[in-house]
Protein backbone atom coordinates (compact mmCIF):
# COMPACT_ATOMS: atom_id res chain seq x y z
CA MET A 1 -45.26 7.36 77.35
CA SER A 2 -45.94 11.04 78.79
CA SER A 3 -43.75 13.61 77.44
CA GLU A 4 -42.02 14.03 80.98
CA ASN A 5 -40.53 11.11 80.05
CA SER A 6 -37.26 9.26 78.03
CA SER A 7 -37.56 8.14 74.90
CA ALA A 8 -34.19 6.83 74.69
CA ASP A 9 -31.37 5.71 77.22
CA ASP A 10 -29.61 8.65 76.46
CA GLY A 11 -32.62 10.45 78.31
CA ARG A 12 -34.58 12.54 75.79
CA ARG A 13 -37.67 13.29 75.60
CA THR A 14 -40.24 13.81 73.01
CA ALA A 15 -43.33 15.79 72.78
CA ASP A 16 -47.22 14.70 72.66
CA ASP A 17 -47.11 15.20 69.33
CA GLY A 18 -43.37 13.15 68.52
CA GLN A 19 -41.28 15.40 68.57
CA GLN A 20 -37.77 15.59 69.93
CA VAL A 21 -37.35 17.75 74.08
CA TRP A 22 -33.61 18.75 74.50
CA ASP A 23 -32.64 18.55 77.88
CA VAL A 24 -30.99 22.18 76.89
CA VAL A 25 -30.50 24.01 73.89
CA VAL A 26 -27.74 26.32 73.68
CA VAL A 27 -27.57 29.43 71.24
CA GLY A 28 -24.06 30.49 70.07
CA ALA A 29 -20.84 28.12 69.45
CA GLY A 30 -18.53 31.00 71.07
CA PRO A 31 -16.59 30.11 74.32
CA ALA A 32 -19.52 31.03 76.44
CA GLY A 33 -21.79 28.10 74.44
CA ALA A 34 -19.51 25.87 73.87
CA SER A 35 -18.59 25.71 77.77
CA ALA A 36 -21.85 25.44 78.30
CA ALA A 37 -22.90 22.84 76.23
CA TYR A 38 -19.86 20.92 77.39
CA ALA A 39 -21.11 21.33 81.09
CA ALA A 40 -24.80 20.22 80.09
CA ALA A 41 -23.11 17.82 78.08
CA VAL A 42 -20.69 15.55 80.99
CA ALA A 43 -23.64 15.51 83.26
CA GLY A 44 -25.83 13.63 80.38
CA ARG A 45 -28.29 15.49 79.31
CA SER A 46 -29.32 15.82 75.51
CA VAL A 47 -27.86 18.69 74.44
CA LEU A 48 -27.50 21.01 70.75
CA LEU A 49 -25.35 23.27 70.13
CA LEU A 50 -26.97 26.16 67.53
CA GLU A 51 -24.72 27.98 65.72
CA LYS A 52 -25.63 30.89 63.01
CA ALA A 53 -22.20 30.42 61.20
CA GLU A 54 -19.74 28.19 60.15
CA LEU A 55 -17.63 26.59 62.37
CA PRO A 56 -14.84 27.99 61.74
CA ARG A 57 -15.44 31.44 61.69
CA TYR A 58 -13.75 34.85 62.36
CA LYS A 59 -14.18 36.62 65.55
CA THR A 60 -12.73 40.33 66.69
CA CYS A 61 -10.69 39.73 69.58
CA GLY A 62 -6.91 40.33 70.31
CA GLY A 63 -7.13 36.45 71.71
CA GLY A 64 -5.10 36.77 75.26
CA ILE A 65 -5.62 33.42 77.44
CA ILE A 66 -4.82 34.29 81.18
CA GLY A 67 -4.67 32.17 84.06
CA PRO A 68 -8.65 32.54 85.06
CA SER A 69 -9.45 31.57 81.04
CA ARG A 70 -6.93 28.34 81.81
CA ASP A 71 -8.45 27.49 84.96
CA ALA A 72 -12.30 27.15 82.71
CA LEU A 73 -11.11 25.06 80.79
CA PRO A 74 -12.47 20.89 79.97
CA PRO A 75 -9.56 18.87 81.70
CA GLY A 76 -7.13 17.87 78.79
CA PHE A 77 -7.90 20.66 76.80
CA GLU A 78 -4.32 21.82 74.68
CA LEU A 79 -4.28 25.53 74.07
CA PRO A 80 -3.29 26.20 70.98
CA PHE A 81 -0.80 29.27 71.94
CA ARG A 82 0.48 31.36 68.80
CA ASP A 83 2.78 32.69 71.28
CA ARG A 84 3.35 32.83 75.01
CA VAL A 85 3.90 36.16 76.74
CA HIS A 86 6.51 37.42 79.02
CA ALA A 87 7.01 41.06 78.18
CA VAL A 88 5.17 44.10 78.64
CA THR A 89 5.66 47.48 76.99
CA PHE A 90 3.34 49.89 77.74
CA SER A 91 2.98 53.70 77.23
CA MET A 92 0.44 56.20 76.96
CA ASP A 93 -0.28 57.29 73.77
CA GLY A 94 2.82 56.64 72.26
CA LYS A 95 5.24 58.31 74.11
CA PHE A 96 7.06 57.05 77.97
CA ALA A 97 7.27 53.32 76.78
CA ARG A 98 9.04 50.73 79.37
CA THR A 99 8.80 47.00 79.06
CA ARG A 100 9.00 45.35 82.24
CA ARG A 101 9.71 41.47 82.03
CA SER A 102 8.99 37.95 84.03
CA ARG A 103 10.70 35.10 84.04
CA HIS A 104 7.48 33.02 83.97
CA MET A 105 4.64 33.30 81.03
CA LEU A 106 2.04 35.77 81.99
CA PHE A 107 -0.06 34.90 79.51
CA GLY A 108 -1.11 32.82 76.24
CA LEU A 109 -2.24 34.51 73.09
CA ILE A 110 -4.63 32.44 70.76
CA ASN A 111 -6.34 32.68 67.07
CA ARG A 112 -10.19 32.73 67.76
CA PRO A 113 -11.82 30.61 65.09
CA GLU A 114 -8.90 27.34 66.30
CA PHE A 115 -9.57 28.64 69.90
CA ASP A 116 -13.62 28.09 69.99
CA GLN A 117 -13.44 25.81 67.17
CA GLN A 118 -11.98 23.36 69.46
CA LEU A 119 -13.86 23.91 72.69
CA VAL A 120 -16.81 23.30 70.37
CA GLU A 121 -14.98 19.37 69.31
CA PHE A 122 -14.89 18.92 73.23
CA ALA A 123 -18.43 19.61 73.89
CA GLN A 124 -19.46 16.91 70.61
CA LYS A 125 -17.45 14.74 72.45
CA ALA A 126 -18.86 15.55 75.13
CA GLY A 127 -22.00 13.73 73.71
CA ALA A 128 -23.90 17.71 72.62
CA GLU A 129 -25.00 17.64 68.93
CA LEU A 130 -23.85 20.72 67.15
CA ARG A 131 -26.47 22.38 63.99
CA THR A 132 -24.88 25.42 62.60
CA GLY A 133 -26.21 27.36 59.52
CA ALA A 134 -28.67 27.58 62.09
CA THR A 135 -30.48 31.67 63.42
CA VAL A 136 -32.50 31.73 66.09
CA SER A 137 -35.03 34.02 65.39
CA ARG A 138 -37.05 33.95 68.81
CA VAL A 139 -37.34 31.96 71.44
CA GLU A 140 -41.09 31.11 73.53
CA GLN A 141 -42.04 30.21 76.64
CA HIS A 142 -45.95 30.71 76.01
CA GLY A 143 -48.10 30.07 73.01
CA SER A 144 -48.91 27.47 70.59
CA ALA A 145 -45.59 26.40 70.23
CA VAL A 146 -44.96 25.51 73.50
CA PRO A 147 -46.61 21.93 73.90
CA ASP A 148 -46.51 22.46 78.34
CA ARG A 149 -44.83 24.14 80.27
CA ARG A 150 -42.16 22.66 80.44
CA THR A 151 -40.50 24.10 77.97
CA VAL A 152 -39.27 26.59 75.38
CA ALA A 153 -39.42 26.81 71.39
CA VAL A 154 -37.33 28.35 70.34
CA VAL A 155 -37.65 29.38 66.91
CA LEU A 156 -35.34 28.90 63.46
CA GLN A 157 -35.50 31.29 60.68
CA GLY A 158 -37.78 30.11 58.39
CA GLY A 159 -40.30 28.80 61.03
CA GLU A 160 -38.63 25.71 62.42
CA THR A 161 -39.12 25.17 66.23
CA VAL A 162 -36.65 23.42 68.48
CA LEU A 163 -37.97 22.20 71.83
CA ALA A 164 -35.80 22.27 75.35
CA ARG A 165 -36.10 21.82 79.37
CA ALA A 166 -34.16 24.78 79.33
CA VAL A 167 -32.03 27.34 77.42
CA VAL A 168 -29.04 29.32 77.30
CA GLY A 169 -28.30 32.06 75.22
CA ALA A 170 -24.61 32.50 74.26
CA ASP A 171 -25.49 34.08 70.85
CA GLY A 172 -23.14 37.54 71.73
CA SER A 173 -23.33 41.19 72.80
CA ALA A 174 -26.08 41.63 70.45
CA SER A 175 -27.92 38.62 71.74
CA ARG A 176 -31.39 37.46 70.74
CA ILE A 177 -31.66 35.67 73.87
CA GLY A 178 -30.50 38.63 75.97
CA ALA A 179 -33.69 40.67 74.37
CA HIS A 180 -35.97 37.71 75.53
CA VAL A 181 -34.26 38.12 79.32
CA GLY A 182 -34.38 41.67 79.33
CA VAL A 183 -30.82 42.54 79.48
CA LYS A 184 -29.92 45.32 80.81
CA LEU A 185 -26.24 47.90 79.72
CA ASP A 186 -24.30 49.50 81.52
CA GLN A 187 -21.19 50.72 79.03
CA VAL A 188 -20.45 49.75 75.42
CA ASP A 189 -17.43 50.52 74.15
CA LEU A 190 -16.19 50.43 70.57
CA GLY A 191 -13.43 48.47 69.53
CA LEU A 192 -11.40 48.35 65.93
CA GLU A 193 -9.21 45.63 64.93
CA ALA A 194 -6.67 44.46 62.57
CA GLU A 195 -4.65 41.43 62.00
CA ILE A 196 -0.82 42.06 59.73
CA PRO A 197 0.98 39.82 58.40
CA VAL A 198 4.11 41.01 59.11
CA PRO A 199 7.97 40.46 57.58
CA GLU A 200 9.56 37.36 60.00
CA THR A 201 12.31 40.28 61.20
CA VAL A 202 9.48 42.42 62.44
CA ALA A 203 7.43 39.03 64.13
CA GLU A 204 10.90 38.07 66.02
CA ASP A 205 11.12 41.80 67.49
CA TRP A 206 7.58 41.12 68.94
CA GLN A 207 8.17 37.37 69.17
CA GLY A 208 7.19 36.95 73.57
CA ARG A 209 6.30 40.79 74.12
CA VAL A 210 2.76 42.89 73.80
CA LEU A 211 2.53 46.33 73.44
CA ILE A 212 0.07 48.02 76.05
CA ASP A 213 -1.34 51.70 75.01
CA TRP A 214 -3.08 53.33 77.43
CA GLY A 215 -4.95 56.08 74.65
CA PRO A 216 -5.59 59.20 74.08
CA MET A 217 -9.67 59.99 75.08
CA PRO A 218 -10.72 58.90 78.58
CA GLY A 219 -10.88 54.70 79.07
CA SER A 220 -9.48 54.05 75.78
CA TYR A 221 -5.88 51.79 75.17
CA GLY A 222 -4.75 50.28 72.46
CA TRP A 223 -2.92 46.66 71.49
CA VAL A 224 -0.18 44.53 70.03
CA PHE A 225 0.05 40.79 70.64
CA PRO A 226 2.04 39.10 68.07
CA LYS A 227 0.92 35.84 67.16
CA GLY A 228 3.28 34.11 64.47
CA ASP A 229 3.52 35.74 61.91
CA THR A 230 0.30 38.36 62.12
CA LEU A 231 0.50 41.04 64.12
CA THR A 232 -3.29 41.69 65.90
CA VAL A 233 -3.47 45.37 66.56
CA GLY A 234 -6.32 47.34 68.15
CA VAL A 235 -8.21 49.86 70.03
CA ILE A 236 -10.37 50.55 72.15
CA SER A 237 -12.81 53.28 73.84
CA ALA A 238 -16.37 54.34 74.58
CA ARG A 239 -19.00 54.03 72.33
CA GLY A 240 -19.84 57.98 70.69
CA GLU A 241 -16.20 58.44 69.86
CA GLY A 242 -16.10 56.00 66.11
CA ALA A 243 -14.73 59.11 64.64
CA ALA A 244 -11.58 59.45 67.75
CA THR A 245 -10.87 55.57 67.92
CA LYS A 246 -10.33 54.98 64.13
CA ARG A 247 -7.65 57.79 63.84
CA TYR A 248 -6.18 56.40 67.09
CA LEU A 249 -6.01 52.86 65.31
CA GLU A 250 -4.35 54.87 62.42
CA ASP A 251 -2.22 56.56 64.00
CA PHE A 252 -1.00 53.70 66.39
CA ILE A 253 -0.93 52.03 63.41
CA ALA A 254 1.64 54.52 62.11
CA ARG A 255 3.75 54.74 64.99
CA LEU A 256 4.68 51.15 65.44
CA GLY A 257 5.95 51.52 61.70
CA LEU A 258 3.19 48.89 60.37
CA ALA A 259 1.54 51.23 58.21
CA GLY A 260 2.93 50.35 55.00
CA PHE A 261 1.57 46.38 55.41
CA GLU A 262 -1.91 45.31 54.07
CA PRO A 263 -3.91 44.08 56.78
CA ALA A 264 -5.16 40.57 55.56
CA ILE A 265 -8.45 41.02 57.65
CA SER A 266 -10.22 44.94 59.36
CA SER A 267 -13.00 44.62 62.42
CA GLY A 268 -15.14 46.17 64.59
CA HIS A 269 -16.94 45.01 67.29
CA LEU A 270 -18.97 46.83 70.04
CA THR A 271 -18.00 44.91 73.86
CA ARG A 272 -21.41 45.76 76.16
CA CYS A 273 -21.13 45.11 80.06
CA ARG A 274 -24.11 44.89 82.30
CA ALA A 275 -26.29 46.99 84.81
CA ASP A 276 -25.65 45.56 88.00
CA ASP A 277 -29.56 45.13 88.30
CA SER A 278 -29.11 44.12 84.32
CA PRO A 279 -31.19 40.36 84.78
CA LEU A 280 -29.79 36.69 83.82
CA SER A 281 -32.46 34.95 83.06
CA ARG A 282 -36.55 34.71 81.75
CA GLY A 283 -37.88 31.83 83.29
CA ARG A 284 -35.86 28.53 81.89
CA VAL A 285 -33.60 30.97 79.99
CA LEU A 286 -30.55 31.61 81.30
CA VAL A 287 -27.67 34.32 79.08
CA CYS A 288 -24.47 34.05 79.61
CA GLY A 289 -20.90 35.22 78.60
CA ASP A 290 -21.61 39.02 76.45
CA ALA A 291 -24.83 37.62 75.77
CA ALA A 292 -25.61 38.64 79.01
CA GLY A 293 -23.11 41.65 79.05
CA LEU A 294 -19.91 39.34 81.11
CA LEU A 295 -16.83 40.89 80.45
CA GLU A 296 -14.35 42.67 82.74
CA PRO A 297 -15.45 46.97 82.36
CA TRP A 298 -11.80 48.53 82.73
CA THR A 299 -9.58 46.11 79.98
CA ARG A 300 -12.73 44.72 78.31
CA GLU A 301 -11.45 40.77 78.92
CA GLY A 302 -14.68 38.55 77.76
CA ILE A 303 -13.13 35.12 77.36
CA SER A 304 -12.16 33.89 80.55
CA PHE A 305 -15.61 36.08 81.65
CA ALA A 306 -18.00 33.52 78.55
CA LEU A 307 -15.62 30.13 79.87
CA ARG A 308 -16.20 30.52 83.34
CA SER A 309 -20.16 32.01 82.93
CA GLY A 310 -20.76 29.42 80.34
CA ARG A 311 -19.70 26.73 82.50
CA LEU A 312 -22.26 27.88 84.88
CA ALA A 313 -24.75 28.16 82.61
CA GLY A 314 -24.54 24.79 81.60
CA GLU A 315 -24.62 22.97 84.87
CA TRP A 316 -28.00 24.92 86.19
CA ALA A 317 -28.92 24.72 82.87
CA VAL A 318 -29.17 20.88 83.70
CA ARG A 319 -31.04 22.01 87.12
CA ILE A 320 -33.41 24.13 85.44
CA ALA A 321 -33.84 20.88 83.09
CA GLU A 322 -34.38 19.22 85.97
CA ALA A 323 -36.79 21.25 87.09
CA HIS A 324 -40.80 20.57 88.23
CA ASP A 325 -42.33 23.52 87.90
CA ALA A 326 -42.01 27.17 87.73
CA VAL A 327 -41.29 27.69 91.05
CA ASP A 328 -38.53 24.88 90.50
CA ALA A 329 -36.94 26.22 87.75
CA ARG A 330 -37.14 30.00 88.98
CA ARG A 331 -35.25 28.88 92.49
CA GLN A 332 -32.06 27.02 90.19
CA ALA A 333 -32.35 30.35 88.06
CA LEU A 334 -32.00 32.72 91.06
CA ASN A 335 -28.88 29.80 92.40
CA TYR A 336 -27.05 31.05 88.33
CA ALA A 337 -27.72 34.53 89.03
CA PHE A 338 -26.32 34.33 92.91
CA ALA A 339 -23.35 32.39 91.72
CA ILE A 340 -22.55 34.78 88.82
CA LYS A 341 -22.57 38.13 91.04
CA ALA A 342 -21.00 36.72 94.08
CA GLY A 343 -17.93 35.21 91.25
CA LEU A 344 -17.66 38.04 88.00
CA GLY A 345 -19.96 40.42 89.93
CA VAL A 346 -17.71 41.31 91.84
CA GLU A 347 -14.84 41.08 89.83
CA MET A 348 -16.74 43.50 87.60
CA SER A 349 -17.34 45.60 90.63
CA VAL A 350 -13.87 45.95 91.16
CA GLY A 351 -13.21 47.01 86.99
CA LYS A 352 -15.99 49.67 86.85
CA ARG A 353 -13.64 51.25 89.92
CA LEU A 354 -11.04 50.87 87.99
CA LEU A 355 -12.15 52.73 84.51
CA ALA A 356 -13.75 55.46 86.66
CA ALA A 357 -9.59 56.01 88.28
CA PHE A 358 -8.58 54.58 84.85
CA GLU A 359 -10.06 57.78 82.98
CA ARG A 360 -9.04 60.46 85.47
CA ARG A 361 -5.68 59.45 86.04
CA PRO A 362 -4.41 57.04 82.81
CA GLY A 363 -1.05 58.39 84.05
CA MET A 364 -1.00 57.14 87.89
CA PHE A 365 -1.91 53.48 86.16
CA HIS A 366 0.90 53.81 84.15
CA ALA A 367 3.37 54.95 87.03
CA GLY A 368 2.12 52.51 89.11
CA LEU A 369 2.74 49.62 86.99
CA THR A 370 5.85 50.77 84.96
CA GLY A 371 7.06 52.04 88.11
CA PHE A 372 5.96 50.33 91.13
CA ARG A 373 6.53 46.83 92.44
CA PRO A 374 3.52 46.24 93.86
CA VAL A 375 1.15 46.79 90.97
CA TRP A 376 3.39 45.08 88.68
CA LYS A 377 3.00 41.82 90.71
CA ALA A 378 -0.68 42.47 91.12
CA PHE A 379 -0.48 42.38 87.60
CA THR A 380 1.62 39.69 87.06
CA GLY A 381 -1.22 38.03 89.19
CA ILE A 382 -4.12 38.84 87.73
CA THR A 383 -2.77 37.51 84.36
CA ARG A 384 -0.95 34.28 85.64
CA GLY A 385 -4.53 33.79 87.57
CA SER A 386 -2.65 33.73 91.13
CA THR A 387 -5.51 36.64 92.18
CA THR A 388 -8.11 38.52 90.89
CA LEU A 389 -9.65 41.76 91.06
CA GLY A 390 -11.65 40.96 93.86
CA GLU A 391 -9.17 39.18 95.55
CA ILE A 392 -6.78 42.24 95.42
CA ILE A 393 -9.21 44.45 97.03
CA ARG A 394 -9.87 42.24 100.38
CA SER A 395 -6.75 41.31 101.03
CA ARG A 396 -5.33 45.25 100.09
CA PRO A 397 -7.89 47.73 101.89
CA MET A 398 -5.57 50.10 100.64
CA VAL A 399 -6.26 49.65 97.16
CA GLY A 400 -10.03 50.14 97.73
CA ARG A 401 -9.04 53.06 99.82
CA ALA A 402 -7.15 54.87 97.06
CA LEU A 403 -9.59 54.33 93.97
CA THR A 404 -12.16 55.59 96.17
CA ALA A 405 -9.96 58.94 96.39
CA ILE A 406 -9.59 59.54 92.96
CA ASP A 407 -12.87 58.87 92.47
CA ARG A 408 -14.02 61.49 94.95
CA GLY A 409 -11.42 64.02 93.41
CA PRO A 410 -13.26 66.32 91.51
CA GLN A 411 -15.95 66.32 94.14
CA ALA A 412 -13.75 67.28 96.85
CA ALA A 413 -11.70 70.11 94.70
CA GLU A 414 -14.72 71.37 93.96
CA GLY A 415 -16.27 71.74 97.89
CA GLU A 416 -13.01 73.31 98.85
CA GLN A 417 -13.39 75.67 95.95
CA GLN A 418 -17.09 76.66 97.66
């Protein structure tokens, strides 16, 4: 039996030396990786999911599940909500606070360890095999470790090699697989977060309501997300403003009256947003989620981007695994890139324009969300999943023109002065 043929009824293959060749190896067991593993396993392929940590593990994340995230989950997945949000309080660096409410749930809040673990379990039930404590050092698509041109070698710390017909990199914002693919970044931000246990009386005051505070640095904002007896409090701003971002979080917590409560966890992370021309594949290797720099640039929302891009990556990895030569594999990889750019890419493009406008005119955003019904309606539509940023721009040309006017404002002013 050659290395091209199945060695078992489950579709697994072996190389000439008898080593197993997986159809798809997924690196990283977060939402993107678990979604990719699930999609490939549901298609009947042999799938190995590699994760360097032991599960469940903590992840710095607000934990907001909006409509697009919900819609991208596997059938039968029951979200482990810690709270359901019906109200949002908006403020500007602690001032001009106003609360807007909705009769319908806007979005839900989860703890990432529970959510991620449940996603992995769904992938396992679909047939994927999980291996934790496995740190990937590199991937090789040429050389002595690769038995043939249809195989990728995933080299683990310690030297062990895992073989696959296709690899999906979902190993986070500091991705080794992303480095192999050559992912290029356009925006890097620093997020700081504290998980603060609070008394029941404080928790009740926050139940069903979140706070979004437009921060003191351009493009920055803070949030309070209630999760039962714990408040997730965080801020985010452009990288390079580390000291100012830390002060913002400290001041934010103090203003909220939470400085006297000891955080159970304090953490930080960098969010990375891809450049428009950044690759999404190299040979038989795809990247998705944070590893690909896929997230919404204004809010830095990443869970929905991870789930959606992970599912697409798993589906196209199956096609790449079935490709008989480099030309066919390249064609499938390009189709994956097209699918990403046609959907998530459009949302990212609008998000970049929103961020640029928000950096210049945060007060206008605050006024719109708190006092202009169409803006609030657009916000609720996005959070519920009934519309997207791209659809709003397409269906409401005035929104696009307003963003363009804000973006050109300083240049126009300079031209008038000249």
